[in-house]
Amino acid sequence: MSSQHRRDGAAFPSVAALLVDALGRLISALAALGAGLAMLLVVYMLGHILLEIGLRLFGRSTFILDEYIGYAVAAMTFLGLPYALEKGGLIRVALVLKRLPRAWRWPLELLASVSALLAFGWLAHYWTIAVQRSFQRGIVSETLAQTPLWIPQGTVLVGLYLLCLVLVIRSLRILVQRHAFDGGDL
């Protein structure tokens, strides 16, 4: 019996495939955690808006609604992106891929994933510098709340890092699976 095949004729998964699968499960859990945090931010935003409406009925205000809702929208967007990418919830232009032979699809998927990884990796690098600078200099918002800016910037950075990790795993899956890679609903 060949070391490459089981008795039923199916090939054993390679070590690389097993490693990518294990890393993929870990990253999936982190992406789901990010999506959960994004959902909690939606609940927070609803609560804050309702609180503000109630307070304004009595001539009062928190005076921080627009600032904190803005932070929450940014954090929610970047924390939710990795999960959306992983689950195929992002807009894809599959028109070209549908018309190509199946053997040509994986190189284009790989090119798209690596290109996105490079773009978001570049953004994450410079965003990291901005967060470090805000933290080191003690930069706060120019509002009544004087929020330390590294906090909302840091939540966006966590989302960027998660997105980069999902893109790395996606690229590795494409390389390991190649012709068997299913990039989504084509």
N, C-alpha and C. Protein backbone atom coordinates (compact mmCIF):
# COMPACT_ATOMS: atom_id res chain seq x y z
N MET A 1 0.85 -1.19 0.00
CA MET A 1 0.00 0.00 0.00
C MET A 1 0.88 1.24 0.00
N SER A 2 0.62 2.15 -0.83
CA SER A 2 1.36 3.39 -0.93
C SER A 2 1.15 4.24 0.30
N SER A 3 2.19 4.98 0.70
CA SER A 3 2.06 5.88 1.86
C SER A 3 1.20 7.09 1.52
N GLN A 4 0.89 7.25 0.25
CA GLN A 4 0.10 8.38 -0.20
C GLN A 4 -1.41 8.11 -0.18
N HIS A 5 -1.80 6.83 -0.06
CA HIS A 5 -3.21 6.50 -0.17
C HIS A 5 -3.67 5.61 0.98
N ARG A 6 -4.91 5.78 1.38
CA ARG A 6 -5.54 4.92 2.37
C ARG A 6 -6.11 3.71 1.64
N ARG A 7 -6.66 2.78 2.40
CA ARG A 7 -7.24 1.58 1.80
C ARG A 7 -8.42 1.89 0.90
N ASP A 8 -9.16 2.96 1.24
CA ASP A 8 -10.32 3.29 0.41
C ASP A 8 -9.95 4.08 -0.84
N GLY A 9 -8.65 4.32 -1.05
CA GLY A 9 -8.20 4.99 -2.25
C GLY A 9 -8.07 6.50 -2.12
N ALA A 10 -8.57 7.07 -1.03
CA ALA A 10 -8.48 8.53 -0.86
C ALA A 10 -7.07 8.89 -0.42
N ALA A 11 -6.58 9.99 -0.92
CA ALA A 11 -5.23 10.44 -0.58
C ALA A 11 -5.21 11.00 0.83
N PHE A 12 -4.10 10.76 1.54
CA PHE A 12 -3.92 11.37 2.86
C PHE A 12 -3.72 12.86 2.68
N PRO A 13 -4.27 13.65 3.59
CA PRO A 13 -4.00 15.09 3.49
C PRO A 13 -2.53 15.36 3.80
N SER A 14 -1.97 16.32 3.12
CA SER A 14 -0.57 16.65 3.35
C SER A 14 -0.42 17.37 4.68
N VAL A 15 0.80 17.42 5.18
CA VAL A 15 1.07 18.14 6.43
C VAL A 15 0.72 19.61 6.26
N ALA A 16 1.03 20.16 5.11
CA ALA A 16 0.72 21.57 4.85
C ALA A 16 -0.79 21.81 4.91
N ALA A 17 -1.56 20.89 4.33
CA ALA A 17 -3.01 21.04 4.34
C ALA A 17 -3.55 20.96 5.77
N LEU A 18 -3.01 20.04 6.56
CA LEU A 18 -3.45 19.92 7.96
C LEU A 18 -3.10 21.16 8.76
N LEU A 19 -1.90 21.70 8.53
CA LEU A 19 -1.46 22.90 9.24
C LEU A 19 -2.32 24.10 8.85
N VAL A 20 -2.56 24.27 7.56
CA VAL A 20 -3.39 25.38 7.09
C VAL A 20 -4.80 25.24 7.64
N ASP A 21 -5.31 24.00 7.69
CA ASP A 21 -6.65 23.78 8.23
C ASP A 21 -6.72 24.14 9.71
N ALA A 22 -5.70 23.74 10.48
CA ALA A 22 -5.68 24.06 11.92
C ALA A 22 -5.58 25.58 12.13
N LEU A 23 -4.69 26.23 11.39
CA LEU A 23 -4.57 27.69 11.50
C LEU A 23 -5.86 28.37 11.05
N GLY A 24 -6.48 27.80 10.03
CA GLY A 24 -7.74 28.35 9.55
C GLY A 24 -8.83 28.31 10.60
N ARG A 25 -8.89 27.21 11.37
CA ARG A 25 -9.88 27.12 12.44
C ARG A 25 -9.61 28.15 13.53
N LEU A 26 -8.34 28.36 13.86
CA LEU A 26 -7.99 29.38 14.86
C LEU A 26 -8.37 30.77 14.38
N ILE A 27 -8.02 31.09 13.15
CA ILE A 27 -8.33 32.40 12.60
C ILE A 27 -9.83 32.58 12.45
N SER A 28 -10.54 31.50 12.12
CA SER A 28 -12.01 31.57 12.03
C SER A 28 -12.61 31.93 13.38
N ALA A 29 -12.07 31.35 14.43
CA ALA A 29 -12.57 31.67 15.78
C ALA A 29 -12.29 33.13 16.12
N LEU A 30 -11.12 33.62 15.75
CA LEU A 30 -10.79 35.04 16.00
C LEU A 30 -11.68 35.96 15.17
N ALA A 31 -11.93 35.57 13.93
CA ALA A 31 -12.81 36.39 13.07
C ALA A 31 -14.23 36.41 13.63
N ALA A 32 -14.69 35.27 14.15
CA ALA A 32 -16.02 35.22 14.76
C ALA A 32 -16.07 36.08 16.01
N LEU A 33 -14.99 36.10 16.77
CA LEU A 33 -14.91 36.97 17.95
C LEU A 33 -15.00 38.44 17.52
N GLY A 34 -14.27 38.79 16.47
CA GLY A 34 -14.35 40.16 15.94
C GLY A 34 -15.76 40.51 15.50
N ALA A 35 -16.43 39.57 14.84
CA ALA A 35 -17.81 39.81 14.39
C ALA A 35 -18.74 39.97 15.59
N GLY A 36 -18.50 39.18 16.64
CA GLY A 36 -19.29 39.30 17.86
C GLY A 36 -19.11 40.67 18.50
N LEU A 37 -17.88 41.14 18.54
CA LEU A 37 -17.62 42.48 19.07
C LEU A 37 -18.29 43.55 18.21
N ALA A 38 -18.27 43.35 16.89
CA ALA A 38 -18.93 44.30 16.00
C ALA A 38 -20.44 44.33 16.27
N MET A 39 -21.03 43.18 16.54
CA MET A 39 -22.46 43.14 16.86
C MET A 39 -22.74 43.84 18.18
N LEU A 40 -21.86 43.65 19.15
CA LEU A 40 -22.04 44.35 20.43
C LEU A 40 -21.94 45.86 20.25
N LEU A 41 -21.09 46.29 19.33
CA LEU A 41 -20.99 47.72 19.06
C LEU A 41 -22.28 48.27 18.44
N VAL A 42 -22.94 47.46 17.62
CA VAL A 42 -24.23 47.88 17.07
C VAL A 42 -25.24 48.07 18.20
N VAL A 43 -25.26 47.14 19.14
CA VAL A 43 -26.16 47.25 20.29
C VAL A 43 -25.81 48.48 21.12
N TYR A 44 -24.50 48.71 21.33
CA TYR A 44 -24.08 49.91 22.05
C TYR A 44 -24.58 51.18 21.35
N MET A 45 -24.41 51.23 20.02
CA MET A 45 -24.82 52.42 19.28
C MET A 45 -26.33 52.66 19.42
N LEU A 46 -27.10 51.60 19.32
CA LEU A 46 -28.54 51.73 19.50
C LEU A 46 -28.86 52.28 20.89
N GLY A 47 -28.23 51.71 21.90
CA GLY A 47 -28.46 52.18 23.27
C GLY A 47 -28.06 53.62 23.47
N HIS A 48 -26.93 54.01 22.92
CA HIS A 48 -26.46 55.38 23.09
C HIS A 48 -27.38 56.37 22.38
N ILE A 49 -27.83 56.00 21.19
CA ILE A 49 -28.75 56.87 20.45
C ILE A 49 -30.07 57.01 21.20
N LEU A 50 -30.61 55.90 21.72
CA LEU A 50 -31.85 55.97 22.48
C LEU A 50 -31.68 56.79 23.76
N LEU A 51 -30.55 56.64 24.42
CA LEU A 51 -30.26 57.44 25.61
C LEU A 51 -30.23 58.92 25.26
N GLU A 52 -29.57 59.23 24.17
CA GLU A 52 -29.46 60.63 23.74
C GLU A 52 -30.84 61.21 23.41
N ILE A 53 -31.67 60.43 22.76
CA ILE A 53 -33.03 60.89 22.44
C ILE A 53 -33.80 61.16 23.73
N GLY A 54 -33.71 60.21 24.66
CA GLY A 54 -34.39 60.39 25.94
C GLY A 54 -33.89 61.60 26.71
N LEU A 55 -32.60 61.80 26.74
CA LEU A 55 -32.03 62.96 27.45
C LEU A 55 -32.45 64.27 26.81
N ARG A 56 -32.50 64.29 25.51
CA ARG A 56 -32.87 65.53 24.82
C ARG A 56 -34.34 65.91 25.02
N LEU A 57 -35.15 64.95 25.36
CA LEU A 57 -36.54 65.26 25.71
C LEU A 57 -36.60 66.13 26.97
N PHE A 58 -35.56 66.00 27.79
CA PHE A 58 -35.48 66.77 29.04
C PHE A 58 -34.45 67.90 28.97
N GLY A 59 -34.03 68.23 27.75
CA GLY A 59 -33.09 69.34 27.57
C GLY A 59 -31.67 69.01 27.99
N ARG A 60 -31.31 67.76 28.00
CA ARG A 60 -29.96 67.34 28.39
C ARG A 60 -29.30 66.58 27.23
N SER A 61 -28.02 66.27 27.39
CA SER A 61 -27.28 65.54 26.37
C SER A 61 -26.04 64.90 26.99
N THR A 62 -25.56 63.85 26.33
CA THR A 62 -24.28 63.26 26.75
C THR A 62 -23.11 64.06 26.15
N PHE A 63 -23.36 64.81 25.12
CA PHE A 63 -22.38 65.64 24.41
C PHE A 63 -21.27 64.83 23.73
N ILE A 64 -21.42 63.53 23.69
CA ILE A 64 -20.38 62.70 23.06
C ILE A 64 -20.95 61.74 22.02
N LEU A 65 -22.23 61.89 21.70
CA LEU A 65 -22.88 60.94 20.80
C LEU A 65 -22.15 60.83 19.47
N ASP A 66 -21.97 61.91 18.78
CA ASP A 66 -21.36 61.85 17.44
C ASP A 66 -19.95 61.29 17.49
N GLU A 67 -19.17 61.67 18.49
CA GLU A 67 -17.80 61.19 18.61
C GLU A 67 -17.77 59.67 18.82
N TYR A 68 -18.52 59.19 19.79
CA TYR A 68 -18.47 57.77 20.14
C TYR A 68 -19.16 56.89 19.11
N ILE A 69 -20.19 57.39 18.46
CA ILE A 69 -20.81 56.62 17.38
C ILE A 69 -19.83 56.51 16.21
N GLY A 70 -19.10 57.57 15.94
CA GLY A 70 -18.08 57.52 14.89
C GLY A 70 -17.01 56.48 15.19
N TYR A 71 -16.53 56.46 16.43
CA TYR A 71 -15.55 55.45 16.83
C TYR A 71 -16.13 54.04 16.67
N ALA A 72 -17.36 53.88 17.10
CA ALA A 72 -18.00 52.56 17.06
C ALA A 72 -18.21 52.09 15.62
N VAL A 73 -18.58 52.99 14.73
CA VAL A 73 -18.77 52.62 13.31
C VAL A 73 -17.44 52.17 12.70
N ALA A 74 -16.38 52.90 12.97
CA ALA A 74 -15.06 52.51 12.44
C ALA A 74 -14.64 51.16 13.00
N ALA A 75 -14.76 50.98 14.31
CA ALA A 75 -14.37 49.71 14.93
C ALA A 75 -15.22 48.57 14.42
N MET A 76 -16.54 48.79 14.33
CA MET A 76 -17.46 47.76 13.86
C MET A 76 -17.11 47.33 12.44
N THR A 77 -16.80 48.28 11.59
CA THR A 77 -16.47 47.98 10.20
C THR A 77 -15.23 47.10 10.10
N PHE A 78 -14.17 47.50 10.77
CA PHE A 78 -12.91 46.75 10.64
C PHE A 78 -12.91 45.45 11.43
N LEU A 79 -13.66 45.38 12.53
CA LEU A 79 -13.76 44.12 13.27
C LEU A 79 -14.64 43.11 12.53
N GLY A 80 -15.59 43.59 11.74
CA GLY A 80 -16.48 42.71 11.00
C GLY A 80 -15.95 42.26 9.65
N LEU A 81 -15.00 42.99 9.08
CA LEU A 81 -14.47 42.66 7.75
C LEU A 81 -13.87 41.25 7.66
N PRO A 82 -13.05 40.82 8.62
CA PRO A 82 -12.47 39.47 8.49
C PRO A 82 -13.53 38.37 8.41
N TYR A 83 -14.55 38.47 9.24
CA TYR A 83 -15.62 37.48 9.24
C TYR A 83 -16.39 37.52 7.92
N ALA A 84 -16.67 38.72 7.45
CA ALA A 84 -17.40 38.86 6.18
C ALA A 84 -16.60 38.26 5.03
N LEU A 85 -15.30 38.49 5.00
CA LEU A 85 -14.45 37.93 3.95
C LEU A 85 -14.46 36.40 4.03
N GLU A 86 -14.30 35.89 5.23
CA GLU A 86 -14.24 34.45 5.42
C GLU A 86 -15.53 33.76 5.01
N LYS A 87 -16.65 34.38 5.27
CA LYS A 87 -17.96 33.79 4.97
C LYS A 87 -18.46 34.13 3.57
N GLY A 88 -17.66 34.84 2.79
CA GLY A 88 -18.05 35.17 1.43
C GLY A 88 -19.08 36.28 1.35
N GLY A 89 -19.13 37.12 2.37
CA GLY A 89 -20.12 38.19 2.41
C GLY A 89 -19.69 39.48 1.74
N LEU A 90 -18.48 39.54 1.25
CA LEU A 90 -18.01 40.74 0.58
C LEU A 90 -18.34 40.66 -0.91
N ILE A 91 -18.48 41.79 -1.52
CA ILE A 91 -18.82 41.85 -2.94
C ILE A 91 -17.66 41.30 -3.77
N ARG A 92 -17.97 40.37 -4.64
CA ARG A 92 -16.98 39.80 -5.56
C ARG A 92 -17.47 39.96 -6.97
N VAL A 93 -16.56 40.19 -7.85
CA VAL A 93 -16.92 40.24 -9.26
C VAL A 93 -16.53 38.89 -9.85
N ALA A 94 -17.51 38.00 -9.93
CA ALA A 94 -17.26 36.63 -10.40
C ALA A 94 -17.50 36.48 -11.90
N LEU A 95 -17.88 37.57 -12.55
CA LEU A 95 -18.19 37.51 -13.97
C LEU A 95 -17.02 36.95 -14.79
N VAL A 96 -15.82 37.41 -14.49
CA VAL A 96 -14.64 36.95 -15.22
C VAL A 96 -14.32 35.50 -14.84
N LEU A 97 -14.37 35.19 -13.54
CA LEU A 97 -14.03 33.84 -13.10
C LEU A 97 -14.96 32.78 -13.66
N LYS A 98 -16.22 33.11 -13.83
CA LYS A 98 -17.19 32.14 -14.37
C LYS A 98 -16.83 31.72 -15.79
N ARG A 99 -16.25 32.63 -16.52
CA ARG A 99 -15.97 32.39 -17.93
C ARG A 99 -14.61 31.72 -18.17
N LEU A 100 -13.78 31.66 -17.13
CA LEU A 100 -12.46 31.07 -17.27
C LEU A 100 -12.50 29.57 -17.00
N PRO A 101 -11.57 28.83 -17.59
CA PRO A 101 -11.47 27.41 -17.23
C PRO A 101 -11.15 27.28 -15.74
N ARG A 102 -11.63 26.22 -15.13
CA ARG A 102 -11.46 26.01 -13.68
C ARG A 102 -9.98 26.05 -13.27
N ALA A 103 -9.10 25.57 -14.14
CA ALA A 103 -7.67 25.54 -13.84
C ALA A 103 -7.07 26.95 -13.73
N TRP A 104 -7.69 27.93 -14.31
CA TRP A 104 -7.16 29.29 -14.29
C TRP A 104 -7.71 30.12 -13.12
N ARG A 105 -8.74 29.59 -12.46
CA ARG A 105 -9.38 30.37 -11.40
C ARG A 105 -8.49 30.56 -10.18
N TRP A 106 -7.83 29.48 -9.74
CA TRP A 106 -7.06 29.60 -8.51
C TRP A 106 -5.91 30.60 -8.62
N PRO A 107 -5.21 30.70 -9.77
CA PRO A 107 -4.15 31.73 -9.80
C PRO A 107 -4.72 33.16 -9.67
N LEU A 108 -5.89 33.39 -10.26
CA LEU A 108 -6.50 34.72 -10.14
C LEU A 108 -6.99 34.98 -8.72
N GLU A 109 -7.55 33.94 -8.08
CA GLU A 109 -7.96 34.07 -6.67
C GLU A 109 -6.74 34.36 -5.80
N LEU A 110 -5.64 33.67 -6.07
CA LEU A 110 -4.41 33.89 -5.31
C LEU A 110 -3.90 35.31 -5.52
N LEU A 111 -3.89 35.77 -6.76
CA LEU A 111 -3.45 37.13 -7.06
C LEU A 111 -4.30 38.16 -6.32
N ALA A 112 -5.61 37.96 -6.32
CA ALA A 112 -6.50 38.89 -5.62
C ALA A 112 -6.25 38.87 -4.12
N SER A 113 -6.09 37.68 -3.55
CA SER A 113 -5.86 37.57 -2.10
C SER A 113 -4.53 38.18 -1.69
N VAL A 114 -3.48 37.90 -2.45
CA VAL A 114 -2.16 38.45 -2.11
C VAL A 114 -2.15 39.97 -2.31
N SER A 115 -2.80 40.45 -3.36
CA SER A 115 -2.88 41.90 -3.58
C SER A 115 -3.61 42.59 -2.43
N ALA A 116 -4.73 42.00 -2.01
CA ALA A 116 -5.47 42.56 -0.87
C ALA A 116 -4.63 42.50 0.40
N LEU A 117 -3.91 41.40 0.59
CA LEU A 117 -3.04 41.27 1.76
C LEU A 117 -1.96 42.35 1.77
N LEU A 118 -1.37 42.59 0.63
CA LEU A 118 -0.33 43.63 0.54
C LEU A 118 -0.92 45.01 0.83
N ALA A 119 -2.09 45.30 0.28
CA ALA A 119 -2.71 46.61 0.50
C ALA A 119 -3.10 46.80 1.97
N PHE A 120 -3.76 45.80 2.56
CA PHE A 120 -4.17 45.94 3.95
C PHE A 120 -2.99 45.81 4.90
N GLY A 121 -1.97 45.04 4.51
CA GLY A 121 -0.75 44.97 5.32
C GLY A 121 -0.03 46.32 5.36
N TRP A 122 0.01 46.99 4.23
CA TRP A 122 0.61 48.32 4.17
C TRP A 122 -0.18 49.28 5.05
N LEU A 123 -1.50 49.23 4.94
CA LEU A 123 -2.35 50.09 5.78
C LEU A 123 -2.16 49.77 7.26
N ALA A 124 -2.10 48.49 7.61
CA ALA A 124 -1.91 48.09 9.01
C ALA A 124 -0.56 48.58 9.54
N HIS A 125 0.46 48.53 8.70
CA HIS A 125 1.79 49.01 9.13
C HIS A 125 1.74 50.49 9.51
N TYR A 126 1.18 51.29 8.64
CA TYR A 126 1.14 52.72 8.93
C TYR A 126 0.13 53.07 10.01
N TRP A 127 -0.93 52.27 10.12
CA TRP A 127 -1.90 52.49 11.19
C TRP A 127 -1.26 52.15 12.54
N THR A 128 -0.41 51.13 12.56
CA THR A 128 0.32 50.77 13.79
C THR A 128 1.18 51.94 14.24
N ILE A 129 1.85 52.57 13.31
CA ILE A 129 2.69 53.73 13.64
C ILE A 129 1.84 54.85 14.22
N ALA A 130 0.68 55.08 13.63
CA ALA A 130 -0.22 56.14 14.12
C ALA A 130 -0.72 55.83 15.53
N VAL A 131 -1.07 54.58 15.79
CA VAL A 131 -1.55 54.19 17.12
C VAL A 131 -0.43 54.35 18.15
N GLN A 132 0.77 53.91 17.80
CA GLN A 132 1.91 54.06 18.71
C GLN A 132 2.18 55.52 19.01
N ARG A 133 2.12 56.34 17.98
CA ARG A 133 2.36 57.76 18.15
C ARG A 133 1.30 58.40 19.06
N SER A 134 0.04 58.04 18.84
CA SER A 134 -1.03 58.57 19.69
C SER A 134 -0.85 58.14 21.14
N PHE A 135 -0.44 56.90 21.34
CA PHE A 135 -0.24 56.40 22.69
C PHE A 135 0.95 57.09 23.37
N GLN A 136 2.08 57.15 22.66
CA GLN A 136 3.29 57.73 23.24
C GLN A 136 3.14 59.21 23.55
N ARG A 137 2.43 59.91 22.71
CA ARG A 137 2.28 61.36 22.89
C ARG A 137 1.06 61.73 23.74
N GLY A 138 0.26 60.75 24.10
CA GLY A 138 -0.92 61.01 24.90
C GLY A 138 -1.95 61.86 24.18
N ILE A 139 -2.10 61.65 22.88
CA ILE A 139 -3.03 62.45 22.08
C ILE A 139 -4.47 62.09 22.44
N VAL A 140 -5.26 63.11 22.69
CA VAL A 140 -6.68 62.91 23.01
C VAL A 140 -7.52 63.67 21.99
N SER A 141 -8.80 63.29 21.92
CA SER A 141 -9.70 63.97 21.00
C SER A 141 -9.91 65.41 21.45
N GLU A 142 -10.24 66.25 20.50
CA GLU A 142 -10.47 67.67 20.81
C GLU A 142 -11.93 67.92 21.13
N THR A 143 -12.50 67.03 21.91
CA THR A 143 -13.90 67.15 22.28
C THR A 143 -14.00 67.21 23.80
N LEU A 144 -15.21 67.35 24.27
CA LEU A 144 -15.45 67.40 25.71
C LEU A 144 -14.97 66.13 26.41
N ALA A 145 -15.09 64.99 25.76
CA ALA A 145 -14.71 63.71 26.37
C ALA A 145 -13.20 63.52 26.46
N GLN A 146 -12.45 64.17 25.60
CA GLN A 146 -11.00 64.03 25.53
C GLN A 146 -10.57 62.56 25.56
N THR A 147 -11.15 61.80 24.66
CA THR A 147 -10.86 60.37 24.55
C THR A 147 -9.43 60.16 24.07
N PRO A 148 -8.64 59.30 24.75
CA PRO A 148 -7.32 58.96 24.22
C PRO A 148 -7.49 58.29 22.85
N LEU A 149 -6.92 58.87 21.82
CA LEU A 149 -7.19 58.40 20.46
C LEU A 149 -6.62 57.02 20.16
N TRP A 150 -5.67 56.56 20.95
CA TRP A 150 -5.13 55.23 20.67
C TRP A 150 -6.17 54.14 20.92
N ILE A 151 -7.19 54.42 21.72
CA ILE A 151 -8.21 53.40 22.00
C ILE A 151 -9.07 53.13 20.76
N PRO A 152 -9.72 54.13 20.16
CA PRO A 152 -10.49 53.82 18.94
C PRO A 152 -9.58 53.42 17.78
N GLN A 153 -8.41 54.04 17.69
CA GLN A 153 -7.48 53.65 16.62
C GLN A 153 -7.03 52.20 16.80
N GLY A 154 -6.85 51.80 18.03
CA GLY A 154 -6.41 50.43 18.32
C GLY A 154 -7.44 49.39 17.94
N THR A 155 -8.73 49.71 18.10
CA THR A 155 -9.76 48.74 17.71
C THR A 155 -9.78 48.55 16.19
N VAL A 156 -9.56 49.63 15.47
CA VAL A 156 -9.45 49.52 14.01
C VAL A 156 -8.23 48.69 13.65
N LEU A 157 -7.14 48.89 14.36
CA LEU A 157 -5.90 48.15 14.10
C LEU A 157 -6.09 46.65 14.34
N VAL A 158 -6.80 46.29 15.39
CA VAL A 158 -7.08 44.87 15.66
C VAL A 158 -7.85 44.27 14.48
N GLY A 159 -8.84 45.00 13.97
CA GLY A 159 -9.58 44.53 12.80
C GLY A 159 -8.69 44.38 11.57
N LEU A 160 -7.77 45.32 11.37
CA LEU A 160 -6.84 45.23 10.24
C LEU A 160 -5.94 44.01 10.36
N TYR A 161 -5.43 43.76 11.57
CA TYR A 161 -4.58 42.58 11.78
C TYR A 161 -5.36 41.30 11.52
N LEU A 162 -6.59 41.24 12.01
CA LEU A 162 -7.42 40.05 11.77
C LEU A 162 -7.68 39.85 10.28
N LEU A 163 -7.96 40.94 9.59
CA LEU A 163 -8.19 40.85 8.15
C LEU A 163 -6.94 40.33 7.43
N CYS A 164 -5.79 40.81 7.82
CA CYS A 164 -4.54 40.33 7.21
C CYS A 164 -4.33 38.84 7.49
N LEU A 165 -4.64 38.40 8.71
CA LEU A 165 -4.51 36.98 9.03
C LEU A 165 -5.47 36.12 8.20
N VAL A 166 -6.68 36.59 8.03
CA VAL A 166 -7.65 35.85 7.19
C VAL A 166 -7.15 35.79 5.75
N LEU A 167 -6.57 36.87 5.25
CA LEU A 167 -6.04 36.88 3.88
C LEU A 167 -4.83 35.96 3.74
N VAL A 168 -3.99 35.87 4.77
CA VAL A 168 -2.86 34.94 4.73
C VAL A 168 -3.37 33.51 4.65
N ILE A 169 -4.32 33.16 5.50
CA ILE A 169 -4.88 31.80 5.50
C ILE A 169 -5.57 31.51 4.17
N ARG A 170 -6.30 32.48 3.66
CA ARG A 170 -6.97 32.29 2.36
C ARG A 170 -5.93 32.01 1.27
N SER A 171 -4.85 32.78 1.26
CA SER A 171 -3.79 32.57 0.26
C SER A 171 -3.15 31.20 0.42
N LEU A 172 -2.89 30.80 1.66
CA LEU A 172 -2.31 29.47 1.89
C LEU A 172 -3.26 28.36 1.47
N ARG A 173 -4.55 28.53 1.73
CA ARG A 173 -5.53 27.53 1.31
C ARG A 173 -5.54 27.39 -0.21
N ILE A 174 -5.46 28.52 -0.89
CA ILE A 174 -5.44 28.48 -2.36
C ILE A 174 -4.21 27.73 -2.85
N LEU A 175 -3.05 28.00 -2.24
CA LEU A 175 -1.82 27.32 -2.65
C LEU A 175 -1.86 25.82 -2.37
N VAL A 176 -2.41 25.45 -1.21
CA VAL A 176 -2.45 24.04 -0.84
C VAL A 176 -3.48 23.28 -1.68
N GLN A 177 -4.64 23.88 -1.90
CA GLN A 177 -5.72 23.18 -2.59
C GLN A 177 -5.67 23.34 -4.11
N ARG A 178 -5.13 24.41 -4.57
CA ARG A 178 -5.03 24.77 -5.99
C ARG A 178 -6.29 24.46 -6.77
N HIS A 179 -6.28 23.44 -7.58
CA HIS A 179 -7.41 23.16 -8.49
C HIS A 179 -8.68 22.81 -7.73
N ALA A 180 -8.54 22.31 -6.52
CA ALA A 180 -9.72 21.95 -5.74
C ALA A 180 -10.28 23.15 -4.97
N PHE A 181 -9.57 24.30 -5.00
CA PHE A 181 -10.02 25.46 -4.24
C PHE A 181 -11.34 25.96 -4.78
N ASP A 182 -12.29 26.17 -3.86
CA ASP A 182 -13.59 26.72 -4.22
C ASP A 182 -13.66 28.11 -3.65
N GLY A 183 -13.54 29.10 -4.49
CA GLY A 183 -13.51 30.49 -4.03
C GLY A 183 -14.86 31.06 -3.68
N GLY A 184 -15.89 30.30 -3.72
CA GLY A 184 -17.21 30.81 -3.40
C GLY A 184 -18.21 30.42 -4.47
N ASP A 185 -19.31 31.07 -4.47
CA ASP A 185 -20.36 30.77 -5.44
C ASP A 185 -20.01 31.37 -6.80
N LEU A 186 -19.58 30.52 -7.68
CA LEU A 186 -19.24 30.99 -9.03
C LEU A 186 -20.32 30.64 -9.99
